[in-house]
């Protein structure tokens, strides 16, 4: 078990719940339905990968620690790049600043981090320490 990753998952989980509540209550009337869907996607993927980070932190003890650390770091990077870029895109779209719309191009890099994190988790789960 790696307490650092579990601690980070705890904080990110709390932030995720707060962002979800903020979106449901404060942003619902301010965002278009399309922009709200982008926001919901960011929160959903963040929450799923917080749980994956928690699992990686727990599994760290039972398999190749270095591989599980890679998985956890990729999940954190994915949250920052994928969800973070979507939150930024929502802000940009809501303010009408078309010049920053390119920020959505960062999202696939976060998705690649998520995929790589899941692959690391799968590979490490099959290995013995």
Foldseek 3Di string as FASTA:
>chain_A
DAVVLLVVLVVLLVVLVVLVVCLVPVCVVQADPVLSVLLVVLSVLSNVLSVVSNVLRVCCVWWPVVLSVLLNVLSVQLNCQASVLSVVCSVCVSVVPPVPNCSNVSNVVSVVSNVVSVVSVVVGVPHGD
